[in-house]
Protein backbone atom coordinates (compact mmCIF):
# COMPACT_ATOMS: atom_id res chain seq x y z
CA UNK A 1 0.10 0.20 0.11
CA UNK A 2 0.89 3.54 -0.86
CA UNK A 3 -0.07 7.18 0.36
CA UNK A 4 0.62 10.57 -1.47
CA UNK A 5 3.32 12.41 0.18
CA UNK A 6 0.11 15.17 0.03
CA UNK A 7 -1.79 12.93 2.66
CA UNK A 8 1.16 11.76 5.33
CA UNK A 9 1.50 13.43 8.63
CA UNK A 10 5.74 13.38 9.01
CA UNK A 11 6.79 13.12 12.80
CA UNK A 12 10.47 14.05 12.24
CA UNK A 13 12.72 13.52 15.35
CA UNK A 14 15.19 16.55 16.32
CA UNK A 15 13.82 18.97 13.62
CA UNK A 16 14.43 22.27 15.18
CA UNK A 17 17.73 22.59 12.95
CA UNK A 18 20.14 21.04 10.93
CA UNK A 19 19.48 17.72 9.15
CA UNK A 20 15.55 17.40 11.13
CA UNK A 21 15.24 20.91 9.74
CA UNK A 22 16.01 20.17 6.49
CA UNK A 23 14.14 17.00 6.36
CA UNK A 24 10.76 18.96 7.18
CA UNK A 25 11.17 21.22 4.79
CA UNK A 26 11.91 18.51 2.36
CA UNK A 27 8.27 17.13 3.50
CA UNK A 28 6.45 20.26 3.99
CA UNK A 29 7.68 21.35 0.14
CA UNK A 30 6.21 18.06 -1.46
CA UNK A 31 2.66 18.97 0.96
CA UNK A 32 2.59 16.77 3.79
CA UNK A 33 2.10 17.91 7.15
CA UNK A 34 5.56 18.00 9.44
CA UNK A 35 5.34 17.54 13.41
CA UNK A 36 8.88 19.09 14.31
CA UNK A 37 9.86 17.51 17.34
CA UNK A 38 12.78 18.83 19.41
CA UNK A 39 14.27 19.55 23.32
CA UNK A 40 16.20 21.81 23.38
CA UNK A 41 16.14 23.91 20.14
CA UNK A 42 12.86 25.97 20.56
CA UNK A 43 13.13 28.98 18.90
CA UNK A 44 15.32 27.39 15.97
CA UNK A 45 11.59 24.53 15.46
CA UNK A 46 8.78 27.39 16.16
CA UNK A 47 10.38 29.66 13.36
CA UNK A 48 10.53 26.44 11.07
CA UNK A 49 6.89 25.75 11.70
CA UNK A 50 6.32 29.82 11.10
CA UNK A 51 8.40 29.15 7.95
CA UNK A 52 6.26 26.00 6.16
CA UNK A 53 2.98 27.40 7.00
CA UNK A 54 -0.37 26.06 8.09
CA UNK A 55 0.37 21.97 8.04
CA UNK A 56 3.56 22.47 10.28
CA UNK A 57 3.72 22.30 13.94
CA UNK A 58 6.72 22.29 16.44
CA UNK A 59 6.62 19.88 19.62
CA UNK A 60 8.49 19.54 22.69
CA UNK A 61 9.76 16.20 23.55
CA UNK A 62 12.73 14.45 25.13
CA UNK A 63 13.02 11.09 22.78
CA UNK A 64 14.49 9.53 25.73
CA UNK A 65 11.06 9.75 27.73
CA UNK A 66 8.69 7.16 26.64
CA UNK A 67 5.38 9.24 28.25
CA UNK A 68 7.10 12.35 26.59
CA UNK A 69 7.14 10.65 23.51
CA UNK A 70 3.65 9.08 24.51
CA UNK A 71 2.22 12.53 24.71
CA UNK A 72 3.52 14.17 21.65
CA UNK A 73 2.06 11.84 19.72
CA UNK A 74 -1.56 12.22 21.65
CA UNK A 75 -0.81 16.36 20.84
CA UNK A 76 0.13 15.75 17.06
CA UNK A 77 -2.89 13.23 16.28
CA UNK A 78 -5.37 15.92 18.23
CA UNK A 79 -3.95 18.84 16.06
CA UNK A 80 -3.01 17.12 12.29
CA UNK A 81 -4.46 13.16 12.67
CA UNK A 82 -3.14 10.02 13.19
CA UNK A 83 0.90 10.05 11.89
CA UNK A 84 1.49 7.98 9.07
CA UNK A 85 5.52 8.70 8.55
CA UNK A 86 8.37 9.13 10.90
CA UNK A 87 12.20 10.31 10.14
CA UNK A 88 14.08 8.85 13.70
CA UNK A 89 16.62 11.73 13.45
CA UNK A 90 17.40 12.91 17.53
CA UNK A 91 20.87 13.35 17.85
CA UNK A 92 22.39 13.59 21.46
CA UNK A 93 24.40 16.29 22.55
CA UNK A 94 27.56 15.62 19.94
CA UNK A 95 30.87 17.82 17.86
CA UNK A 96 31.90 15.65 14.76
CA UNK A 97 35.40 17.64 16.12
CA UNK A 98 37.87 14.64 15.42
CA UNK A 99 40.79 16.85 17.99
CA UNK A 100 37.98 16.53 20.61
CA UNK A 101 36.60 13.56 20.70
CA UNK A 102 37.34 11.27 23.39
CA UNK A 103 39.77 8.00 22.58
CA UNK A 104 38.76 5.07 24.35
CA UNK A 105 41.14 5.63 26.95
CA UNK A 106 38.94 9.03 28.21
CA UNK A 107 35.51 7.08 26.60
CA UNK A 108 32.85 7.70 29.42
CA UNK A 109 29.87 5.38 30.42
CA UNK A 110 27.75 7.79 30.36
CA UNK A 111 29.48 9.62 26.57
CA UNK A 112 28.46 5.82 25.38
CA UNK A 113 25.15 6.14 27.13
CA UNK A 114 24.21 9.20 25.79
CA UNK A 115 23.80 8.02 22.43
CA UNK A 116 22.55 5.28 22.46
CA UNK A 117 19.57 6.27 24.70
CA UNK A 118 18.95 9.07 21.80
CA UNK A 119 19.55 7.10 18.61
CA UNK A 120 18.74 3.58 19.72
CA UNK A 121 15.58 3.76 23.23
CA UNK A 122 14.18 6.83 21.38
CA UNK A 123 13.60 5.38 17.65
CA UNK A 124 11.93 2.26 20.34
CA UNK A 125 9.88 4.97 21.88
CA UNK A 126 8.45 6.57 18.57
CA UNK A 127 7.69 3.82 16.94
CA UNK A 128 6.04 2.08 19.90
CA UNK A 129 4.00 5.39 19.92
CA UNK A 130 3.45 5.49 16.14
CA UNK A 131 2.57 1.93 14.86
CA UNK A 132 -0.63 0.88 16.69
CA UNK A 133 -2.29 3.36 14.35
CA UNK A 134 -0.41 2.87 11.44
CA UNK A 135 -0.97 -0.77 11.58
CA UNK A 136 -4.52 -0.38 12.01
CA UNK A 137 -4.50 1.58 8.67
CA UNK A 138 -2.35 -0.45 7.12
CA UNK A 139 0.35 1.87 6.13
CA UNK A 140 2.89 3.81 7.80
CA UNK A 141 6.82 4.61 7.03
CA UNK A 142 10.17 5.08 9.33
CA UNK A 143 13.17 5.96 8.21
CA UNK A 144 16.18 6.32 10.78
CA UNK A 145 18.92 8.45 10.22
CA UNK A 146 22.44 6.38 10.25
CA UNK A 147 26.07 6.85 9.63
CA UNK A 148 28.47 4.50 7.19
CA UNK A 149 31.05 4.82 9.78
CA UNK A 150 30.23 1.80 11.23
CA UNK A 151 30.95 0.34 7.32
CA UNK A 152 34.67 2.85 7.40
CA UNK A 153 35.42 4.79 10.74
CA UNK A 154 37.66 7.44 9.56
CA UNK A 155 37.46 8.77 12.30
CA UNK A 156 36.39 6.79 15.57
CA UNK A 157 34.12 8.15 17.13
CA UNK A 158 32.71 5.66 19.31
CA UNK A 159 30.13 6.42 20.84
CA UNK A 160 28.31 8.07 18.22
CA UNK A 161 29.42 4.96 15.76
CA UNK A 162 28.53 2.34 18.18
CA UNK A 163 24.48 3.96 19.17
CA UNK A 164 24.14 4.18 15.28
CA UNK A 165 25.19 0.70 14.63
CA UNK A 166 22.45 -1.08 17.22
CA UNK A 167 20.19 1.53 15.57
CA UNK A 168 21.01 0.26 12.29
CA UNK A 169 20.40 -3.51 13.75
CA UNK A 170 17.34 -2.38 15.11
CA UNK A 171 15.76 -0.68 12.11
CA UNK A 172 16.19 -4.36 10.06
CA UNK A 173 14.24 -6.36 12.69
CA UNK A 174 11.63 -3.69 12.95
CA UNK A 175 11.64 -4.19 8.81
CA UNK A 176 10.96 -8.04 9.44
CA UNK A 177 8.44 -7.58 12.07
CA UNK A 178 6.00 -4.21 10.91
CA UNK A 179 6.37 -5.38 7.46
CA UNK A 180 3.91 -7.57 7.05
CA UNK A 181 1.36 -4.95 8.94
CA UNK A 182 1.82 -2.59 6.10
CA UNK A 183 4.96 -0.40 7.17
CA UNK A 184 8.44 -0.42 5.91
CA UNK A 185 11.56 0.30 7.63
CA UNK A 186 15.40 1.84 6.16
CA UNK A 187 17.90 3.74 7.07
CA UNK A 188 19.42 6.62 5.40
CA UNK A 189 23.44 7.51 5.92
CA UNK A 190 24.12 9.71 4.26
CA UNK A 191 27.69 10.53 5.95
CA UNK A 192 29.11 13.64 7.35
CA UNK A 193 26.87 16.79 5.82
CA UNK A 194 28.22 19.69 5.08
CA UNK A 195 27.41 21.73 6.35
CA UNK A 196 25.26 21.04 9.97
CA UNK A 197 25.72 22.29 13.84
CA UNK A 198 27.07 19.13 14.79
CA UNK A 199 29.49 19.01 11.82
CA UNK A 200 30.68 22.75 12.28
CA UNK A 201 33.49 21.52 14.22
CA UNK A 202 34.59 19.62 11.69
CA UNK A 203 38.38 20.43 10.12
CA UNK A 204 38.57 21.05 6.87
CA UNK A 205 41.09 18.79 5.63
CA UNK A 206 38.62 15.43 6.88
CA UNK A 207 35.89 17.27 4.69
CA UNK A 208 38.29 17.38 1.94
CA UNK A 209 39.20 13.90 2.50
CA UNK A 210 35.96 12.49 1.97
CA UNK A 211 34.98 14.71 -0.91
CA UNK A 212 37.92 12.93 -2.62
CA UNK A 213 37.33 9.32 -1.63
CA UNK A 214 34.18 9.63 -3.58
CA UNK A 215 33.00 9.17 -7.38
CA UNK A 216 31.51 13.07 -7.38
CA UNK A 217 34.22 14.53 -5.60
CA UNK A 218 31.38 16.11 -3.11
CA UNK A 219 30.80 16.45 1.18
CA UNK A 220 26.56 15.62 0.74
CA UNK A 221 24.76 18.75 1.32
CA UNK A 222 21.99 18.33 4.31
CA UNK A 223 18.86 18.78 1.52
CA UNK A 224 20.35 16.34 -0.67
CA UNK A 225 19.99 14.24 2.34
CA UNK A 226 16.51 14.89 2.88
CA UNK A 227 15.61 14.24 -0.47
CA UNK A 228 16.76 10.76 0.39
CA UNK A 229 15.29 10.37 3.57
CA UNK A 230 11.91 11.45 1.25
CA UNK A 231 12.26 9.09 -0.83
CA UNK A 232 11.73 5.95 0.76
CA UNK A 233 8.15 7.48 2.20
CA UNK A 234 7.25 8.27 -1.72
CA UNK A 235 4.98 6.15 -3.53
């Protein structure tokens, strides 16, 4: 079963800025109703919602908090109807600064848990809150945001990369369980993006290296990654 983008209600987690904002903008451009989830970026999220028009709404919730996610989904349903499409983009506080990263000697359990709680448990919370309505409708689209660093750790960001690898596993197992219900689950791994808040501290040498080893000799831009996400929700 497919559904025109204009008939979809899309929840984008961590959508106040960066890639999330680009994804929300792409869906709004195609006519979808968009729920812009944010944790701390209230001003940015509300400004984006205003820019995107009457079919966009900003709702605060920490995806790590099961109750907050359930309340967000309930509020969204009251405003725009059942969520048909989820993009789990939320990222725990992180900076892609290879010079300042934690090495194995300095990495803490708290850093590991922060990434895993947002990437993996956050995805679980959102999936559990939104899939009952999707299953009832016989249609749903879930897209998670991954990384190619677990395939090629150009910079060994241990906490971030391991969380995204775990998210890939959850994406695949969720796809196997939810597929028969008409709900697809996919991951988009755009690589390091030029430029978001998280990648703003990345040394230019890293961007240059990545560009040099890709066929197009370019680093992916946020709007390009957003269009890839849009593809998985398209009819």
